[in-house]
Each structure stands twice: as C-alpha cells, then as structure tokens.
Amino acid sequence: MASVVTTGHPHIVRLQGICGGEPIIDRLRVTVRHVATLYLQGETIQEIAESSNLSEAQGFHGLSYFFDHRDEIAALIAEQEAHGQ
C-alpha cells in the first residue's frame, strides 16, 4: 500500500507511487496541478468541482494548497505543458 503523506491542507495528500507523488485530493487521483490549471484558465470553483467530481470544499483546499505553494505547482504545470499534456 502507498505511503500517505499529509500536507497540512485538509483533503490534500501525497501518495508514494500515485500521480508521481504530486499533491492530490485525498482518495482521488485529481492533482492540485489539475485544479490549479482549470482555475488559471478561468473556471469557477463550482465548474472545477463538477468537472472533476470533487466537492467544492475539496476544490477550495486544492486551490489553498496551490496559493501556498505557487512555485511548486507552477513548475508542475510548466513541466506538463513542456510535454504537451
């Protein structure tokens, strides 16, 4: 079983071997990077939650992690874009 690392943000964890160890929404394979990307593209928290099958609370905590770790998530987004994903 993957080792769970809490992040200090409710709903946000890191799991060794899941999504490359990126911060994800707990019990889902939705990355904070994904939530942040949608937000930066102009989607509302309601749209993000609906399209990603999240509660609004999970979406807000994903954004909270993003705002507290902007450089980390921006680097993950840039890496994703560089690989054309």
PDB file of N, CA and C in Angstrom:
ATOM      1  N   MET A   1       0.838  -1.185   0.000  1.00  0.00           N
ATOM      2  CA  MET A   1       0.000   0.000   0.000  1.00  0.00           C
ATOM      3  C   MET A   1       0.886   1.253   0.000  1.00  0.00           C
ATOM      4  N   ALA A   2       0.453   2.274  -0.702  1.00  0.00           N
ATOM      5  CA  ALA A   2       1.223   3.508  -0.827  1.00  0.00           C
ATOM      6  C   ALA A   2       1.282   4.243   0.507  1.00  0.00           C
ATOM      7  N   SER A   3       2.407   4.860   0.771  1.00  0.00           N
ATOM      8  CA  SER A   3       2.610   5.650   1.974  1.00  0.00           C
ATOM      9  C   SER A   3       1.934   7.008   1.815  1.00  0.00           C
ATOM     10  N   VAL A   4       1.072   7.372   2.768  1.00  0.00           N
ATOM     11  CA  VAL A   4       0.347   8.640   2.721  1.00  0.00           C
ATOM     12  C   VAL A   4       1.133   9.698   3.470  1.00  0.00           C
ATOM     13  N   VAL A   5       1.336  10.838   2.831  1.00  0.00           N
ATOM     14  CA  VAL A   5       1.997  11.980   3.467  1.00  0.00           C
ATOM     15  C   VAL A   5       0.984  13.117   3.502  1.00  0.00           C
ATOM     16  N   THR A   6       0.636  13.554   4.699  1.00  0.00           N
ATOM     17  CA  THR A   6      -0.291  14.673   4.810  1.00  0.00           C
ATOM     18  C   THR A   6       0.452  15.970   4.493  1.00  0.00           C
ATOM     19  N   THR A   7      -0.311  16.995   4.132  1.00  0.00           N
ATOM     20  CA  THR A   7       0.300  18.249   3.676  1.00  0.00           C
ATOM     21  C   THR A   7      -0.013  19.443   4.565  1.00  0.00           C
ATOM     22  N   GLY A   8      -0.848  19.261   5.568  1.00  0.00           N
ATOM     23  CA  GLY A   8      -1.280  20.399   6.370  1.00  0.00           C
ATOM     24  C   GLY A   8      -2.492  21.094   5.773  1.00  0.00           C
ATOM     25  N   HIS A   9      -2.939  20.628   4.618  1.00  0.00           N
ATOM     26  CA  HIS A   9      -4.134  21.155   3.972  1.00  0.00           C
ATOM     27  C   HIS A   9      -5.189  20.052   3.978  1.00  0.00           C
ATOM     28  N   PRO A  10      -6.361  20.328   4.550  1.00  0.00           N
ATOM     29  CA  PRO A  10      -7.404  19.297   4.532  1.00  0.00           C
ATOM     30  C   PRO A  10      -7.660  18.825   3.101  1.00  0.00           C
ATOM     31  N   HIS A  11      -7.907  17.569   2.930  1.00  0.00           N
ATOM     32  CA  HIS A  11      -8.215  16.925   1.644  1.00  0.00           C
ATOM     33  C   HIS A  11      -7.008  16.756   0.730  1.00  0.00           C
ATOM     34  N   ILE A  12      -5.826  17.273   1.069  1.00  0.00           N
ATOM     35  CA  ILE A  12      -4.676  17.204   0.170  1.00  0.00           C
ATOM     36  C   ILE A  12      -3.606  16.296   0.784  1.00  0.00           C
ATOM     37  N   VAL A  13      -3.199  15.297   0.009  1.00  0.00           N
ATOM     38  CA  VAL A  13      -2.174  14.347   0.457  1.00  0.00           C
ATOM     39  C   VAL A  13      -1.204  14.087  -0.686  1.00  0.00           C
ATOM     40  N   ARG A  14      -0.130  13.411  -0.341  1.00  0.00           N
ATOM     41  CA  ARG A  14       0.809  12.874  -1.331  1.00  0.00           C
ATOM     42  C   ARG A  14       0.870  11.377  -1.083  1.00  0.00           C
ATOM     43  N   LEU A  15       0.801  10.599  -2.139  1.00  0.00           N
ATOM     44  CA  LEU A  15       0.889   9.149  -2.034  1.00  0.00           C
ATOM     45  C   LEU A  15       2.048   8.663  -2.880  1.00  0.00           C
ATOM     46  N   GLN A  16       2.985   8.004  -2.250  1.00  0.00           N
ATOM     47  CA  GLN A  16       4.119   7.457  -2.983  1.00  0.00           C
ATOM     48  C   GLN A  16       3.606   6.535  -4.082  1.00  0.00           C
ATOM     49  N   GLY A  17       4.046   6.773  -5.323  1.00  0.00           N
ATOM     50  CA  GLY A  17       3.656   5.933  -6.442  1.00  0.00           C
ATOM     51  C   GLY A  17       2.343   6.309  -7.104  1.00  0.00           C
ATOM     52  N   ILE A  18       1.660   7.334  -6.610  1.00  0.00           N
ATOM     53  CA  ILE A  18       0.403   7.783  -7.207  1.00  0.00           C
ATOM     54  C   ILE A  18       0.615   9.181  -7.777  1.00  0.00           C
ATOM     55  N   CYS A  19       0.350   9.340  -9.062  1.00  0.00           N
ATOM     56  CA  CYS A  19       0.495  10.634  -9.748  1.00  0.00           C
ATOM     57  C   CYS A  19       1.889  11.227  -9.524  1.00  0.00           C
ATOM     58  N   GLY A  20       2.885  10.374  -9.532  1.00  0.00           N
ATOM     59  CA  GLY A  20       4.260  10.831  -9.382  1.00  0.00           C
ATOM     60  C   GLY A  20       4.562  11.478  -8.049  1.00  0.00           C
ATOM     61  N   GLY A  21       3.725  11.223  -7.048  1.00  0.00           N
ATOM     62  CA  GLY A  21       3.941  11.823  -5.735  1.00  0.00           C
ATOM     63  C   GLY A  21       3.468  13.258  -5.621  1.00  0.00           C
ATOM     64  N   GLU A  22       2.793  13.748  -6.679  1.00  0.00           N
ATOM     65  CA  GLU A  22       2.257  15.113  -6.633  1.00  0.00           C
ATOM     66  C   GLU A  22       1.176  15.206  -5.568  1.00  0.00           C
ATOM     67  N   PRO A  23       0.918  16.415  -5.049  1.00  0.00           N
ATOM     68  CA  PRO A  23      -0.194  16.575  -4.127  1.00  0.00           C
ATOM     69  C   PRO A  23      -1.515  16.323  -4.872  1.00  0.00           C
ATOM     70  N   ILE A  24      -2.356  15.505  -4.241  1.00  0.00           N
ATOM     71  CA  ILE A  24      -3.645  15.148  -4.840  1.00  0.00           C
ATOM     72  C   ILE A  24      -4.761  15.344  -3.829  1.00  0.00           C
ATOM     73  N   ILE A  25      -5.990  15.342  -4.346  1.00  0.00           N
ATOM     74  CA  ILE A  25      -7.163  15.344  -3.485  1.00  0.00           C
ATOM     75  C   ILE A  25      -7.239  13.957  -2.845  1.00  0.00           C
ATOM     76  N   ASP A  26      -7.373  13.901  -1.532  1.00  0.00           N
ATOM     77  CA  ASP A  26      -7.398  12.647  -0.793  1.00  0.00           C
ATOM     78  C   ASP A  26      -8.435  11.684  -1.359  1.00  0.00           C
ATOM     79  N   ARG A  27      -8.003  10.448  -1.586  1.00  0.00           N
ATOM     80  CA  ARG A  27      -8.806   9.335  -2.081  1.00  0.00           C
ATOM     81  C   ARG A  27      -9.187   9.454  -3.563  1.00  0.00           C
ATOM     82  N   LEU A  28      -8.651  10.449  -4.234  1.00  0.00           N
ATOM     83  CA  LEU A  28      -8.916  10.627  -5.662  1.00  0.00           C
ATOM     84  C   LEU A  28      -7.594  10.801  -6.392  1.00  0.00           C
ATOM     85  N   ARG A  29      -7.595  10.583  -7.673  1.00  0.00           N
ATOM     86  CA  ARG A  29      -6.385  10.834  -8.467  1.00  0.00           C
ATOM     87  C   ARG A  29      -6.511  12.160  -9.207  1.00  0.00           C
ATOM     88  N   VAL A  30      -7.014  13.154  -8.510  1.00  0.00           N
ATOM     89  CA  VAL A  30      -7.113  14.506  -9.054  1.00  0.00           C
ATOM     90  C   VAL A  30      -5.994  15.314  -8.418  1.00  0.00           C
ATOM     91  N   THR A  31      -5.075  15.801  -9.246  1.00  0.00           N
ATOM     92  CA  THR A  31      -3.928  16.536  -8.723  1.00  0.00           C
ATOM     93  C   THR A  31      -4.284  17.998  -8.440  1.00  0.00           C
ATOM     94  N   VAL A  32      -3.544  18.563  -7.503  1.00  0.00           N
ATOM     95  CA  VAL A  32      -3.668  20.002  -7.252  1.00  0.00           C
ATOM     96  C   VAL A  32      -3.298  20.746  -8.527  1.00  0.00           C
ATOM     97  N   ARG A  33      -2.325  20.232  -9.269  1.00  0.00           N
ATOM     98  CA  ARG A  33      -1.934  20.843 -10.550  1.00  0.00           C
ATOM     99  C   ARG A  33      -3.141  20.960 -11.480  1.00  0.00           C
ATOM    100  N   HIS A  34      -3.963  19.914 -11.555  1.00  0.00           N
ATOM    101  CA  HIS A  34      -5.149  19.928 -12.415  1.00  0.00           C
ATOM    102  C   HIS A  34      -6.139  21.005 -11.952  1.00  0.00           C
ATOM    103  N   VAL A  35      -6.405  21.046 -10.658  1.00  0.00           N
ATOM    104  CA  VAL A  35      -7.326  22.045 -10.105  1.00  0.00           C
ATOM    105  C   VAL A  35      -6.799  23.448 -10.399  1.00  0.00           C
ATOM    106  N   ALA A  36      -5.511  23.670 -10.170  1.00  0.00           N
ATOM    107  CA  ALA A  36      -4.913  24.987 -10.409  1.00  0.00           C
ATOM    108  C   ALA A  36      -4.956  25.363 -11.883  1.00  0.00           C
ATOM    109  N   THR A  37      -4.696  24.406 -12.762  1.00  0.00           N
ATOM    110  CA  THR A  37      -4.734  24.674 -14.203  1.00  0.00           C
ATOM    111  C   THR A  37      -6.116  25.142 -14.622  1.00  0.00           C
ATOM    112  N   LEU A  38      -7.138  24.449 -14.167  1.00  0.00           N
ATOM    113  CA  LEU A  38      -8.508  24.848 -14.511  1.00  0.00           C
ATOM    114  C   LEU A  38      -8.828  26.237 -13.968  1.00  0.00           C
ATOM    115  N   TYR A  39      -8.409  26.500 -12.738  1.00  0.00           N
ATOM    116  CA  TYR A  39      -8.635  27.811 -12.133  1.00  0.00           C
ATOM    117  C   TYR A  39      -7.940  28.907 -12.946  1.00  0.00           C
ATOM    118  N   LEU A  40      -6.697  28.661 -13.327  1.00  0.00           N
ATOM    119  CA  LEU A  40      -5.940  29.650 -14.100  1.00  0.00           C
ATOM    120  C   LEU A  40      -6.513  29.861 -15.497  1.00  0.00           C
ATOM    121  N   GLN A  41      -7.265  28.880 -15.990  1.00  0.00           N
ATOM    122  CA  GLN A  41      -7.935  29.014 -17.282  1.00  0.00           C
ATOM    123  C   GLN A  41      -9.274  29.740 -17.145  1.00  0.00           C
ATOM    124  N   GLY A  42      -9.634  30.118 -15.920  1.00  0.00           N
ATOM    125  CA  GLY A  42     -10.831  30.921 -15.708  1.00  0.00           C
ATOM    126  C   GLY A  42     -12.052  30.173 -15.210  1.00  0.00           C
ATOM    127  N   GLU A  43     -11.914  28.886 -14.910  1.00  0.00           N
ATOM    128  CA  GLU A  43     -13.070  28.141 -14.412  1.00  0.00           C
ATOM    129  C   GLU A  43     -13.355  28.526 -12.966  1.00  0.00           C
ATOM    130  N   THR A  44     -14.628  28.530 -12.612  1.00  0.00           N
ATOM    131  CA  THR A  44     -15.025  28.810 -11.233  1.00  0.00           C
ATOM    132  C   THR A  44     -14.834  27.554 -10.390  1.00  0.00           C
ATOM    133  N   ILE A  45     -14.851  27.727  -9.082  1.00  0.00           N
ATOM    134  CA  ILE A  45     -14.703  26.574  -8.202  1.00  0.00           C
ATOM    135  C   ILE A  45     -15.848  25.584  -8.419  1.00  0.00           C
ATOM    136  N   GLN A  46     -17.034  26.090  -8.709  1.00  0.00           N
ATOM    137  CA  GLN A  46     -18.171  25.209  -8.973  1.00  0.00           C
ATOM    138  C   GLN A  46     -17.941  24.387 -10.245  1.00  0.00           C
ATOM    139  N   GLU A  47     -17.422  25.021 -11.282  1.00  0.00           N
ATOM    140  CA  GLU A  47     -17.132  24.310 -12.532  1.00  0.00           C
ATOM    141  C   GLU A  47     -16.027  23.276 -12.333  1.00  0.00           C
ATOM    142  N   ILE A  48     -15.008  23.657 -11.584  1.00  0.00           N
ATOM    143  CA  ILE A  48     -13.906  22.729 -11.310  1.00  0.00           C
ATOM    144  C   ILE A  48     -14.423  21.520 -10.547  1.00  0.00           C
ATOM    145  N   ALA A  49     -15.210  21.776  -9.517  1.00  0.00           N
ATOM    146  CA  ALA A  49     -15.745  20.688  -8.702  1.00  0.00           C
ATOM    147  C   ALA A  49     -16.603  19.752  -9.550  1.00  0.00           C
ATOM    148  N   GLU A  50     -17.470  20.317 -10.354  1.00  0.00           N
ATOM    149  CA  GLU A  50     -18.365  19.496 -11.176  1.00  0.00           C
ATOM    150  C   GLU A  50     -17.597  18.684 -12.215  1.00  0.00           C
ATOM    151  N   SER A  51     -16.679  19.309 -12.922  1.00  0.00           N
ATOM    152  CA  SER A  51     -15.966  18.605 -13.994  1.00  0.00           C
ATOM    153  C   SER A  51     -14.973  17.576 -13.458  1.00  0.00           C
ATOM    154  N   SER A  52     -14.529  17.743 -12.218  1.00  0.00           N
ATOM    155  CA  SER A  52     -13.525  16.848 -11.644  1.00  0.00           C
ATOM    156  C   SER A  52     -14.104  15.885 -10.608  1.00  0.00           C
ATOM    157  N   ASN A  53     -15.431  15.909 -10.443  1.00  0.00           N
ATOM    158  CA  ASN A  53     -16.110  15.064  -9.450  1.00  0.00           C
ATOM    159  C   ASN A  53     -15.573  15.291  -8.043  1.00  0.00           C
ATOM    160  N   LEU A  54     -15.443  16.560  -7.677  1.00  0.00           N
ATOM    161  CA  LEU A  54     -14.983  16.960  -6.349  1.00  0.00           C
ATOM    162  C   LEU A  54     -16.107  17.677  -5.625  1.00  0.00           C
ATOM    163  N   SER A  55     -16.018  17.735  -4.308  1.00  0.00           N
ATOM    164  CA  SER A  55     -16.883  18.653  -3.577  1.00  0.00           C
ATOM    165  C   SER A  55     -16.254  20.041  -3.713  1.00  0.00           C
ATOM    166  N   GLU A  56     -17.037  21.068  -3.477  1.00  0.00           N
ATOM    167  CA  GLU A  56     -16.462  22.408  -3.530  1.00  0.00           C
ATOM    168  C   GLU A  56     -15.379  22.559  -2.471  1.00  0.00           C
ATOM    169  N   ALA A  57     -15.554  21.938  -1.310  1.00  0.00           N
ATOM    170  CA  ALA A  57     -14.534  22.006  -0.257  1.00  0.00           C
ATOM    171  C   ALA A  57     -13.219  21.413  -0.741  1.00  0.00           C
ATOM    172  N   GLN A  58     -13.284  20.274  -1.415  1.00  0.00           N
ATOM    173  CA  GLN A  58     -12.066  19.669  -1.946  1.00  0.00           C
ATOM    174  C   GLN A  58     -11.397  20.605  -2.958  1.00  0.00           C
ATOM    175  N   GLY A  59     -12.190  21.221  -3.808  1.00  0.00           N
ATOM    176  CA  GLY A  59     -11.652  22.165  -4.782  1.00  0.00           C
ATOM    177  C   GLY A  59     -11.006  23.370  -4.121  1.00  0.00           C
ATOM    178  N   PHE A  60     -11.673  23.919  -3.104  1.00  0.00           N
ATOM    179  CA  PHE A  60     -11.111  25.057  -2.382  1.00  0.00           C
ATOM    180  C   PHE A  60      -9.799  24.691  -1.696  1.00  0.00           C
ATOM    181  N   HIS A  61      -9.721  23.504  -1.117  1.00  0.00           N
ATOM    182  CA  HIS A  61      -8.483  23.100  -0.460  1.00  0.00           C
ATOM    183  C   HIS A  61      -7.367  22.871  -1.485  1.00  0.00           C
ATOM    184  N   GLY A  62      -7.734  22.385  -2.661  1.00  0.00           N
ATOM    185  CA  GLY A  62      -6.749  22.274  -3.736  1.00  0.00           C
ATOM    186  C   GLY A  62      -6.192  23.635  -4.110  1.00  0.00           C
ATOM    187  N   LEU A  63      -7.077  24.614  -4.219  1.00  0.00           N
ATOM    188  CA  LEU A  63      -6.618  25.976  -4.533  1.00  0.00           C
ATOM    189  C   LEU A  63      -5.823  26.573  -3.380  1.00  0.00           C
ATOM    190  N   SER A  64      -6.224  26.275  -2.152  1.00  0.00           N
ATOM    191  CA  SER A  64      -5.476  26.759  -0.996  1.00  0.00           C
ATOM    192  C   SER A  64      -4.048  26.238  -1.029  1.00  0.00           C
ATOM    193  N   TYR A  65      -3.890  24.956  -1.343  1.00  0.00           N
ATOM    194  CA  TYR A  65      -2.547  24.388  -1.458  1.00  0.00           C
ATOM    195  C   TYR A  65      -1.780  25.099  -2.575  1.00  0.00           C
ATOM    196  N   PHE A  66      -2.440  25.302  -3.706  1.00  0.00           N
ATOM    197  CA  PHE A  66      -1.805  25.996  -4.835  1.00  0.00           C
ATOM    198  C   PHE A  66      -1.321  27.389  -4.418  1.00  0.00           C
ATOM    199  N   PHE A  67      -2.172  28.151  -3.736  1.00  0.00           N
ATOM    200  CA  PHE A  67      -1.777  29.504  -3.352  1.00  0.00           C
ATOM    201  C   PHE A  67      -0.629  29.504  -2.345  1.00  0.00           C
ATOM    202  N   ASP A  68      -0.572  28.493  -1.486  1.00  0.00           N
ATOM    203  CA  ASP A  68       0.510  28.401  -0.510  1.00  0.00           C
ATOM    204  C   ASP A  68       1.801  27.829  -1.103  1.00  0.00           C
ATOM    205  N   HIS A  69       1.698  27.159  -2.256  1.00  0.00           N
ATOM    206  CA  HIS A  69       2.858  26.504  -2.881  1.00  0.00           C
ATOM    207  C   HIS A  69       2.910  26.830  -4.382  1.00  0.00           C
ATOM    208  N   ARG A  70       2.730  28.095  -4.680  1.00  0.00           N
ATOM    209  CA  ARG A  70       2.633  28.544  -6.073  1.00  0.00           C
ATOM    210  C   ARG A  70       3.812  28.109  -6.935  1.00  0.00           C
ATOM    211  N   ASP A  71       5.027  28.255  -6.434  1.00  0.00           N
ATOM    212  CA  ASP A  71       6.213  27.910  -7.227  1.00  0.00           C
ATOM    213  C   ASP A  71       6.229  26.422  -7.563  1.00  0.00           C
ATOM    214  N   GLU A  72       5.926  25.588  -6.583  1.00  0.00           N
ATOM    215  CA  GLU A  72       5.902  24.138  -6.805  1.00  0.00           C
ATOM    216  C   GLU A  72       4.880  23.761  -7.877  1.00  0.00           C
ATOM    217  N   ILE A  73       3.665  24.273  -7.744  1.00  0.00           N
ATOM    218  CA  ILE A  73       2.601  23.901  -8.682  1.00  0.00           C
ATOM    219  C   ILE A  73       2.854  24.535 -10.049  1.00  0.00           C
ATOM    220  N   ALA A  74       3.360  25.754 -10.092  1.00  0.00           N
ATOM    221  CA  ALA A  74       3.687  26.387 -11.374  1.00  0.00           C
ATOM    222  C   ALA A  74       4.743  25.562 -12.115  1.00  0.00           C
ATOM    223  N   ALA A  75       5.711  25.024 -11.393  1.00  0.00           N
ATOM    224  CA  ALA A  75       6.730  24.180 -12.027  1.00  0.00           C
ATOM    225  C   ALA A  75       6.110  22.898 -12.575  1.00  0.00           C
ATOM    226  N   LEU A  76       5.174  22.310 -11.846  1.00  0.00           N
ATOM    227  CA  LEU A  76       4.489  21.103 -12.329  1.00  0.00           C
ATOM    228  C   LEU A  76       3.651  21.399 -13.572  1.00  0.00           C
ATOM    229  N   ILE A  77       2.988  22.556 -13.585  1.00  0.00           N
ATOM    230  CA  ILE A  77       2.194  22.960 -14.748  1.00  0.00           C
ATOM    231  C   ILE A  77       3.116  23.173 -15.950  1.00  0.00           C
ATOM    232  N   ALA A  78       4.235  23.865 -15.734  1.00  0.00           N
ATOM    233  CA  ALA A  78       5.181  24.115 -16.827  1.00  0.00           C
ATOM    234  C   ALA A  78       5.734  22.806 -17.380  1.00  0.00           C
ATOM    235  N   GLU A  79       6.031  21.863 -16.496  1.00  0.00           N
ATOM    236  CA  GLU A  79       6.531  20.559 -16.929  1.00  0.00           C
ATOM    237  C   GLU A  79       5.485  19.830 -17.771  1.00  0.00           C
ATOM    238  N   GLN A  80       4.246  19.894 -17.341  1.00  0.00           N
ATOM    239  CA  GLN A  80       3.148  19.270 -18.095  1.00  0.00           C
ATOM    240  C   GLN A  80       3.021  19.909 -19.474  1.00  0.00           C
ATOM    241  N   GLU A  81       3.081  21.224 -19.538  1.00  0.00           N
ATOM    242  CA  GLU A  81       2.954  21.928 -20.812  1.00  0.00           C
ATOM    243  C   GLU A  81       4.137  21.608 -21.727  1.00  0.00           C
ATOM    244  N   ALA A  82       5.318  21.476 -21.166  1.00  0.00           N
ATOM    245  CA  ALA A  82       6.508  21.161 -21.960  1.00  0.00           C
ATOM    246  C   ALA A  82       6.400  19.788 -22.597  1.00  0.00           C
ATOM    247  N   HIS A  83       5.665  18.899 -21.961  1.00  0.00           N
ATOM    248  CA  HIS A  83       5.473  17.550 -22.500  1.00  0.00           C
ATOM    249  C   HIS A  83       4.210  17.440 -23.345  1.00  0.00           C
ATOM    250  N   GLY A  84       3.553  18.593 -23.554  1.00  0.00           N
ATOM    251  CA  GLY A  84       2.374  18.621 -24.420  1.00  0.00           C
ATOM    252  C   GLY A  84       1.174  17.856 -23.889  1.00  0.00           C
ATOM    253  N   GLN A  85       1.041  17.805 -22.599  1.00  0.00           N
ATOM    254  CA  GLN A  85      -0.081  17.069 -21.998  1.00  0.00           C
ATOM    255  C   GLN A  85      -1.195  18.007 -21.632  1.00  0.00           C
TER     256      GLN A  85
END
